[in-house]
ModelCIF file with pLDDT and N, C-alpha, C, O atoms, coordinates in Angstrom:
data_MODEL
#
_entry.id   MODEL 
#
_entity.id                         1 
_entity.type                       polymer 
_entity.pdbx_number_of_molecules   1 
#
_entity_poly.entity_id                      1 
_entity_poly.type                           'polypeptide(L)' 
_entity_poly.nstd_linkage                   no 
_entity_poly.nstd_monomer                   no 
_entity_poly.pdbx_seq_one_letter_code       
;(UNK)(UNK)(UNK)(UNK)(UNK)(UNK)(UNK)(UNK)(UNK)(UNK)(UNK)(UNK)(UNK)(UNK)(UNK)(UNK)
(UNK)(UNK)(UNK)(UNK)(UNK)(UNK)(UNK)(UNK)(UNK)(UNK)(UNK)(UNK)(UNK)(UNK)(UNK)
;
_entity_poly.pdbx_seq_one_letter_code_can   XXXXXXXXXXXXXXXXXXXXXXXXXXXXXXX 
_entity_poly.pdbx_strand_id                 A 
#
loop_
_entity_poly_seq.entity_id 
_entity_poly_seq.num 
_entity_poly_seq.mon_id 
_entity_poly_seq.hetero 
1 1  UNK n 
1 2  UNK n 
1 3  UNK n 
1 4  UNK n 
1 5  UNK n 
1 6  UNK n 
1 7  UNK n 
1 8  UNK n 
1 9  UNK n 
1 10 UNK n 
1 11 UNK n 
1 12 UNK n 
1 13 UNK n 
1 14 UNK n 
1 15 UNK n 
1 16 UNK n 
1 17 UNK n 
1 18 UNK n 
1 19 UNK n 
1 20 UNK n 
1 21 UNK n 
1 22 UNK n 
1 23 UNK n 
1 24 UNK n 
1 25 UNK n 
1 26 UNK n 
1 27 UNK n 
1 28 UNK n 
1 29 UNK n 
1 30 UNK n 
1 31 UNK n 
#
_struct_asym.id          A 
_struct_asym.entity_id   1 
#
loop_
_ma_qa_metric.id 
_ma_qa_metric.mode 
_ma_qa_metric.name 
_ma_qa_metric.software_group_id 
_ma_qa_metric.type 
1 global pLDDT . pLDDT 
2 local  pLDDT . pLDDT 
#
_ma_qa_metric_global.metric_id      1 
_ma_qa_metric_global.metric_value   92.84 
_ma_qa_metric_global.model_id       1 
_ma_qa_metric_global.ordinal_id     1 
#
loop_
_ma_qa_metric_local.label_asym_id 
_ma_qa_metric_local.label_comp_id 
_ma_qa_metric_local.label_seq_id 
_ma_qa_metric_local.metric_id 
_ma_qa_metric_local.metric_value 
_ma_qa_metric_local.model_id 
_ma_qa_metric_local.ordinal_id 
A UNK 1  2 97.00 1 1  
A UNK 2  2 96.00 1 2  
A UNK 3  2 96.00 1 3  
A UNK 4  2 96.00 1 4  
A UNK 5  2 96.00 1 5  
A UNK 6  2 94.00 1 6  
A UNK 7  2 95.00 1 7  
A UNK 8  2 93.00 1 8  
A UNK 9  2 92.00 1 9  
A UNK 10 2 94.00 1 10 
A UNK 11 2 95.00 1 11 
A UNK 12 2 96.00 1 12 
A UNK 13 2 96.00 1 13 
A UNK 14 2 95.00 1 14 
A UNK 15 2 93.00 1 15 
A UNK 16 2 91.00 1 16 
A UNK 17 2 91.00 1 17 
A UNK 18 2 90.00 1 18 
A UNK 19 2 94.00 1 19 
A UNK 20 2 93.00 1 20 
A UNK 21 2 91.00 1 21 
A UNK 22 2 92.00 1 22 
A UNK 23 2 95.00 1 23 
A UNK 24 2 94.00 1 24 
A UNK 25 2 91.00 1 25 
A UNK 26 2 91.00 1 26 
A UNK 27 2 92.00 1 27 
A UNK 28 2 90.00 1 28 
A UNK 29 2 86.00 1 29 
A UNK 30 2 87.00 1 30 
A UNK 31 2 86.00 1 31 
#
loop_
_atom_site.group_PDB 
_atom_site.id 
_atom_site.type_symbol 
_atom_site.label_atom_id 
_atom_site.label_alt_id 
_atom_site.label_comp_id 
_atom_site.label_asym_id 
_atom_site.label_entity_id 
_atom_site.label_seq_id 
_atom_site.pdbx_PDB_ins_code 
_atom_site.Cartn_x 
_atom_site.Cartn_y 
_atom_site.Cartn_z 
_atom_site.occupancy 
_atom_site.B_iso_or_equiv 
_atom_site.pdbx_formal_charge 
_atom_site.auth_seq_id 
_atom_site.auth_comp_id 
_atom_site.auth_asym_id 
_atom_site.auth_atom_id 
_atom_site.pdbx_PDB_model_num 
ATOM 1   N N  . UNK A 1 1  ? 136.243 2.465   61.973 1.00 97.00 ? 1  UNK A N  1 
ATOM 2   C CA . UNK A 1 1  ? 135.522 2.362   63.245 1.00 97.00 ? 1  UNK A CA 1 
ATOM 3   C C  . UNK A 1 1  ? 136.073 1.221   64.101 1.00 97.00 ? 1  UNK A C  1 
ATOM 4   O O  . UNK A 1 1  ? 136.246 1.379   65.310 1.00 97.00 ? 1  UNK A O  1 
ATOM 5   N N  . UNK A 1 2  ? 136.345 0.081   63.480 1.00 96.00 ? 2  UNK A N  1 
ATOM 6   C CA . UNK A 1 2  ? 136.867 -1.068  64.222 1.00 96.00 ? 2  UNK A CA 1 
ATOM 7   C C  . UNK A 1 2  ? 138.202 -0.730  64.882 1.00 96.00 ? 2  UNK A C  1 
ATOM 8   O O  . UNK A 1 2  ? 138.429 -1.083  66.039 1.00 96.00 ? 2  UNK A O  1 
ATOM 9   N N  . UNK A 1 3  ? 139.070 -0.057  64.164 1.00 96.00 ? 3  UNK A N  1 
ATOM 10  C CA . UNK A 1 3  ? 140.374 0.314   64.730 1.00 96.00 ? 3  UNK A CA 1 
ATOM 11  C C  . UNK A 1 3  ? 140.195 1.321   65.872 1.00 96.00 ? 3  UNK A C  1 
ATOM 12  O O  . UNK A 1 3  ? 140.880 1.243   66.892 1.00 96.00 ? 3  UNK A O  1 
ATOM 13  N N  . UNK A 1 4  ? 139.272 2.260   65.689 1.00 96.00 ? 4  UNK A N  1 
ATOM 14  C CA . UNK A 1 4  ? 139.015 3.248   66.745 1.00 96.00 ? 4  UNK A CA 1 
ATOM 15  C C  . UNK A 1 4  ? 138.443 2.596   67.995 1.00 96.00 ? 4  UNK A C  1 
ATOM 16  O O  . UNK A 1 4  ? 138.704 3.046   69.111 1.00 96.00 ? 4  UNK A O  1 
ATOM 17  N N  . UNK A 1 5  ? 137.656 1.527   67.805 1.00 96.00 ? 5  UNK A N  1 
ATOM 18  C CA . UNK A 1 5  ? 137.094 0.803   68.945 1.00 96.00 ? 5  UNK A CA 1 
ATOM 19  C C  . UNK A 1 5  ? 138.145 -0.044  69.656 1.00 96.00 ? 5  UNK A C  1 
ATOM 20  O O  . UNK A 1 5  ? 137.950 -0.450  70.802 1.00 96.00 ? 5  UNK A O  1 
ATOM 21  N N  . UNK A 1 6  ? 139.274 -0.311  68.965 1.00 94.00 ? 6  UNK A N  1 
ATOM 22  C CA . UNK A 1 6  ? 140.361 -1.041  69.605 1.00 94.00 ? 6  UNK A CA 1 
ATOM 23  C C  . UNK A 1 6  ? 140.638 -2.422  69.059 1.00 94.00 ? 6  UNK A C  1 
ATOM 24  O O  . UNK A 1 6  ? 141.409 -3.172  69.658 1.00 94.00 ? 6  UNK A O  1 
ATOM 25  N N  . UNK A 1 7  ? 140.028 -2.784  67.931 1.00 95.00 ? 7  UNK A N  1 
ATOM 26  C CA . UNK A 1 7  ? 140.316 -4.100  67.343 1.00 95.00 ? 7  UNK A CA 1 
ATOM 27  C C  . UNK A 1 7  ? 141.686 -4.043  66.677 1.00 95.00 ? 7  UNK A C  1 
ATOM 28  O O  . UNK A 1 7  ? 141.929 -3.210  65.804 1.00 95.00 ? 7  UNK A O  1 
ATOM 29  N N  . UNK A 1 8  ? 142.575 -4.937  67.100 1.00 93.00 ? 8  UNK A N  1 
ATOM 30  C CA . UNK A 1 8  ? 143.945 -4.951  66.590 1.00 93.00 ? 8  UNK A CA 1 
ATOM 31  C C  . UNK A 1 8  ? 144.152 -6.028  65.525 1.00 93.00 ? 8  UNK A C  1 
ATOM 32  O O  . UNK A 1 8  ? 145.048 -5.901  64.689 1.00 93.00 ? 8  UNK A O  1 
ATOM 33  N N  . UNK A 1 9  ? 143.345 -7.075  65.543 1.00 92.00 ? 9  UNK A N  1 
ATOM 34  C CA . UNK A 1 9  ? 143.520 -8.208  64.645 1.00 92.00 ? 9  UNK A CA 1 
ATOM 35  C C  . UNK A 1 9  ? 142.962 -7.960  63.254 1.00 92.00 ? 9  UNK A C  1 
ATOM 36  O O  . UNK A 1 9  ? 142.592 -6.842  62.896 1.00 92.00 ? 9  UNK A O  1 
ATOM 37  N N  . UNK A 1 10 ? 142.914 -9.031  62.488 1.00 94.00 ? 10 UNK A N  1 
ATOM 38  C CA . UNK A 1 10 ? 142.464 -8.980  61.091 1.00 94.00 ? 10 UNK A CA 1 
ATOM 39  C C  . UNK A 1 10 ? 140.989 -8.580  60.998 1.00 94.00 ? 10 UNK A C  1 
ATOM 40  O O  . UNK A 1 10 ? 140.193 -8.831  61.902 1.00 94.00 ? 10 UNK A O  1 
ATOM 41  N N  . UNK A 1 11 ? 140.658 -7.948  59.870 1.00 95.00 ? 11 UNK A N  1 
ATOM 42  C CA . UNK A 1 11 ? 139.272 -7.602  59.551 1.00 95.00 ? 11 UNK A CA 1 
ATOM 43  C C  . UNK A 1 11 ? 138.976 -8.246  58.205 1.00 95.00 ? 11 UNK A C  1 
ATOM 44  O O  . UNK A 1 11 ? 139.706 -8.046  57.234 1.00 95.00 ? 11 UNK A O  1 
ATOM 45  N N  . UNK A 1 12 ? 137.892 -9.026  58.156 1.00 96.00 ? 12 UNK A N  1 
ATOM 46  C CA . UNK A 1 12 ? 137.566 -9.752  56.925 1.00 96.00 ? 12 UNK A CA 1 
ATOM 47  C C  . UNK A 1 12 ? 136.060 -9.844  56.769 1.00 96.00 ? 12 UNK A C  1 
ATOM 48  O O  . UNK A 1 12 ? 135.315 -9.644  57.728 1.00 96.00 ? 12 UNK A O  1 
ATOM 49  N N  . UNK A 1 13 ? 135.619 -10.144 55.573 1.00 96.00 ? 13 UNK A N  1 
ATOM 50  C CA . UNK A 1 13 ? 134.197 -10.350 55.322 1.00 96.00 ? 13 UNK A CA 1 
ATOM 51  C C  . UNK A 1 13 ? 133.909 -11.832 55.521 1.00 96.00 ? 13 UNK A C  1 
ATOM 52  O O  . UNK A 1 13 ? 134.506 -12.697 54.879 1.00 96.00 ? 13 UNK A O  1 
ATOM 53  N N  . UNK A 1 14 ? 132.967 -12.099 56.440 1.00 95.00 ? 14 UNK A N  1 
ATOM 54  C CA . UNK A 1 14 ? 132.567 -13.465 56.807 1.00 95.00 ? 14 UNK A CA 1 
ATOM 55  C C  . UNK A 1 14 ? 133.803 -14.321 57.081 1.00 95.00 ? 14 UNK A C  1 
ATOM 56  O O  . UNK A 1 14 ? 134.613 -13.982 57.943 1.00 95.00 ? 14 UNK A O  1 
ATOM 57  N N  . UNK A 1 15 ? 133.951 -15.431 56.350 1.00 93.00 ? 15 UNK A N  1 
ATOM 58  C CA . UNK A 1 15 ? 135.078 -16.345 56.571 1.00 93.00 ? 15 UNK A CA 1 
ATOM 59  C C  . UNK A 1 15 ? 136.277 -16.038 55.678 1.00 93.00 ? 15 UNK A C  1 
ATOM 60  O O  . UNK A 1 15 ? 137.218 -16.828 55.603 1.00 93.00 ? 15 UNK A O  1 
ATOM 61  N N  . UNK A 1 16 ? 136.244 -14.885 54.999 1.00 91.00 ? 16 UNK A N  1 
ATOM 62  C CA . UNK A 1 16 ? 137.354 -14.490 54.135 1.00 91.00 ? 16 UNK A CA 1 
ATOM 63  C C  . UNK A 1 16 ? 137.242 -14.998 52.709 1.00 91.00 ? 16 UNK A C  1 
ATOM 64  O O  . UNK A 1 16 ? 138.130 -14.755 51.892 1.00 91.00 ? 16 UNK A O  1 
ATOM 65  N N  . UNK A 1 17 ? 136.157 -15.704 52.400 1.00 91.00 ? 17 UNK A N  1 
ATOM 66  C CA . UNK A 1 17 ? 135.939 -16.251 51.065 1.00 91.00 ? 17 UNK A CA 1 
ATOM 67  C C  . UNK A 1 17 ? 135.461 -15.141 50.126 1.00 91.00 ? 17 UNK A C  1 
ATOM 68  O O  . UNK A 1 17 ? 134.363 -14.610 50.296 1.00 91.00 ? 17 UNK A O  1 
ATOM 69  N N  . UNK A 1 18 ? 136.284 -14.793 49.139 1.00 90.00 ? 18 UNK A N  1 
ATOM 70  C CA . UNK A 1 18 ? 135.966 -13.714 48.206 1.00 90.00 ? 18 UNK A CA 1 
ATOM 71  C C  . UNK A 1 18 ? 134.696 -13.989 47.410 1.00 90.00 ? 18 UNK A C  1 
ATOM 72  O O  . UNK A 1 18 ? 134.024 -13.049 46.984 1.00 90.00 ? 18 UNK A O  1 
ATOM 73  N N  . UNK A 1 19 ? 134.359 -15.246 47.202 1.00 94.00 ? 19 UNK A N  1 
ATOM 74  C CA . UNK A 1 19 ? 133.161 -15.598 46.436 1.00 94.00 ? 19 UNK A CA 1 
ATOM 75  C C  . UNK A 1 19 ? 131.901 -15.019 47.077 1.00 94.00 ? 19 UNK A C  1 
ATOM 76  O O  . UNK A 1 19 ? 130.956 -14.671 46.369 1.00 94.00 ? 19 UNK A O  1 
ATOM 77  N N  . UNK A 1 20 ? 131.875 -14.914 48.399 1.00 93.00 ? 20 UNK A N  1 
ATOM 78  C CA . UNK A 1 20 ? 130.707 -14.344 49.084 1.00 93.00 ? 20 UNK A CA 1 
ATOM 79  C C  . UNK A 1 20 ? 130.512 -12.881 48.707 1.00 93.00 ? 20 UNK A C  1 
ATOM 80  O O  . UNK A 1 20 ? 129.380 -12.424 48.547 1.00 93.00 ? 20 UNK A O  1 
ATOM 81  N N  . UNK A 1 21 ? 131.602 -12.153 48.566 1.00 91.00 ? 21 UNK A N  1 
ATOM 82  C CA . UNK A 1 21 ? 131.517 -10.749 48.166 1.00 91.00 ? 21 UNK A CA 1 
ATOM 83  C C  . UNK A 1 21 ? 131.061 -10.649 46.718 1.00 91.00 ? 21 UNK A C  1 
ATOM 84  O O  . UNK A 1 21 ? 130.201 -9.830  46.391 1.00 91.00 ? 21 UNK A O  1 
ATOM 85  N N  . UNK A 1 22 ? 131.623 -11.468 45.859 1.00 92.00 ? 22 UNK A N  1 
ATOM 86  C CA . UNK A 1 22 ? 131.246 -11.476 44.444 1.00 92.00 ? 22 UNK A CA 1 
ATOM 87  C C  . UNK A 1 22 ? 129.760 -11.819 44.304 1.00 92.00 ? 22 UNK A C  1 
ATOM 88  O O  . UNK A 1 22 ? 129.049 -11.176 43.533 1.00 92.00 ? 22 UNK A O  1 
ATOM 89  N N  . UNK A 1 23 ? 129.291 -12.816 45.036 1.00 95.00 ? 23 UNK A N  1 
ATOM 90  C CA . UNK A 1 23 ? 127.872 -13.189 45.002 1.00 95.00 ? 23 UNK A CA 1 
ATOM 91  C C  . UNK A 1 23 ? 126.990 -12.054 45.507 1.00 95.00 ? 23 UNK A C  1 
ATOM 92  O O  . UNK A 1 23 ? 125.912 -11.815 44.962 1.00 95.00 ? 23 UNK A O  1 
ATOM 93  N N  . UNK A 1 24 ? 127.440 -11.354 46.544 1.00 94.00 ? 24 UNK A N  1 
ATOM 94  C CA . UNK A 1 24 ? 126.688 -10.236 47.095 1.00 94.00 ? 24 UNK A CA 1 
ATOM 95  C C  . UNK A 1 24 ? 126.541 -9.131  46.044 1.00 94.00 ? 24 UNK A C  1 
ATOM 96  O O  . UNK A 1 24 ? 125.451 -8.591  45.856 1.00 94.00 ? 24 UNK A O  1 
ATOM 97  N N  . UNK A 1 25 ? 127.630 -8.798  45.366 1.00 91.00 ? 25 UNK A N  1 
ATOM 98  C CA . UNK A 1 25 ? 127.592 -7.773  44.318 1.00 91.00 ? 25 UNK A CA 1 
ATOM 99  C C  . UNK A 1 25 ? 126.673 -8.216  43.182 1.00 91.00 ? 25 UNK A C  1 
ATOM 100 O O  . UNK A 1 25 ? 125.925 -7.405  42.636 1.00 91.00 ? 25 UNK A O  1 
ATOM 101 N N  . UNK A 1 26 ? 126.727 -9.488  42.829 1.00 91.00 ? 26 UNK A N  1 
ATOM 102 C CA . UNK A 1 26 ? 125.858 -10.015 41.776 1.00 91.00 ? 26 UNK A CA 1 
ATOM 103 C C  . UNK A 1 26 ? 124.383 -9.884  42.169 1.00 91.00 ? 26 UNK A C  1 
ATOM 104 O O  . UNK A 1 26 ? 123.543 -9.551  41.333 1.00 91.00 ? 26 UNK A O  1 
ATOM 105 N N  . UNK A 1 27 ? 124.072 -10.144 43.428 1.00 92.00 ? 27 UNK A N  1 
ATOM 106 C CA . UNK A 1 27 ? 122.689 -9.991  43.902 1.00 92.00 ? 27 UNK A CA 1 
ATOM 107 C C  . UNK A 1 27 ? 122.236 -8.535  43.785 1.00 92.00 ? 27 UNK A C  1 
ATOM 108 O O  . UNK A 1 27 ? 121.090 -8.270  43.422 1.00 92.00 ? 27 UNK A O  1 
ATOM 109 N N  . UNK A 1 28 ? 123.126 -7.596  44.088 1.00 90.00 ? 28 UNK A N  1 
ATOM 110 C CA . UNK A 1 28 ? 122.786 -6.178  43.938 1.00 90.00 ? 28 UNK A CA 1 
ATOM 111 C C  . UNK A 1 28 ? 122.478 -5.874  42.478 1.00 90.00 ? 28 UNK A C  1 
ATOM 112 O O  . UNK A 1 28 ? 121.489 -5.211  42.166 1.00 90.00 ? 28 UNK A O  1 
ATOM 113 N N  . UNK A 1 29 ? 123.338 -6.367  41.584 1.00 86.00 ? 29 UNK A N  1 
ATOM 114 C CA . UNK A 1 29 ? 123.172 -6.094  40.154 1.00 86.00 ? 29 UNK A CA 1 
ATOM 115 C C  . UNK A 1 29 ? 121.899 -6.700  39.577 1.00 86.00 ? 29 UNK A C  1 
ATOM 116 O O  . UNK A 1 29 ? 121.316 -6.138  38.650 1.00 86.00 ? 29 UNK A O  1 
ATOM 117 N N  . UNK A 1 30 ? 121.464 -7.824  40.104 1.00 87.00 ? 30 UNK A N  1 
ATOM 118 C CA . UNK A 1 30 ? 120.312 -8.519  39.527 1.00 87.00 ? 30 UNK A CA 1 
ATOM 119 C C  . UNK A 1 30 ? 119.026 -8.316  40.330 1.00 87.00 ? 30 UNK A C  1 
ATOM 120 O O  . UNK A 1 30 ? 117.976 -8.845  39.965 1.00 87.00 ? 30 UNK A O  1 
ATOM 121 N N  . UNK A 1 31 ? 119.107 -7.559  41.412 1.00 86.00 ? 31 UNK A N  1 
ATOM 122 C CA . UNK A 1 31 ? 117.927 -7.341  42.254 1.00 86.00 ? 31 UNK A CA 1 
ATOM 123 C C  . UNK A 1 31 ? 116.850 -6.583  41.484 1.00 86.00 ? 31 UNK A C  1 
ATOM 124 O O  . UNK A 1 31 ? 115.781 -6.306  42.029 1.00 86.00 ? 31 UNK A O  1 
#
């Protein structure tokens, strides 16, 4: 969707810190 809208630059989750994604997955698993 971002590419179709015209975003040419990088796409990342938050500030690019992988730990945030790992923590998010952990929250799903322990919810």
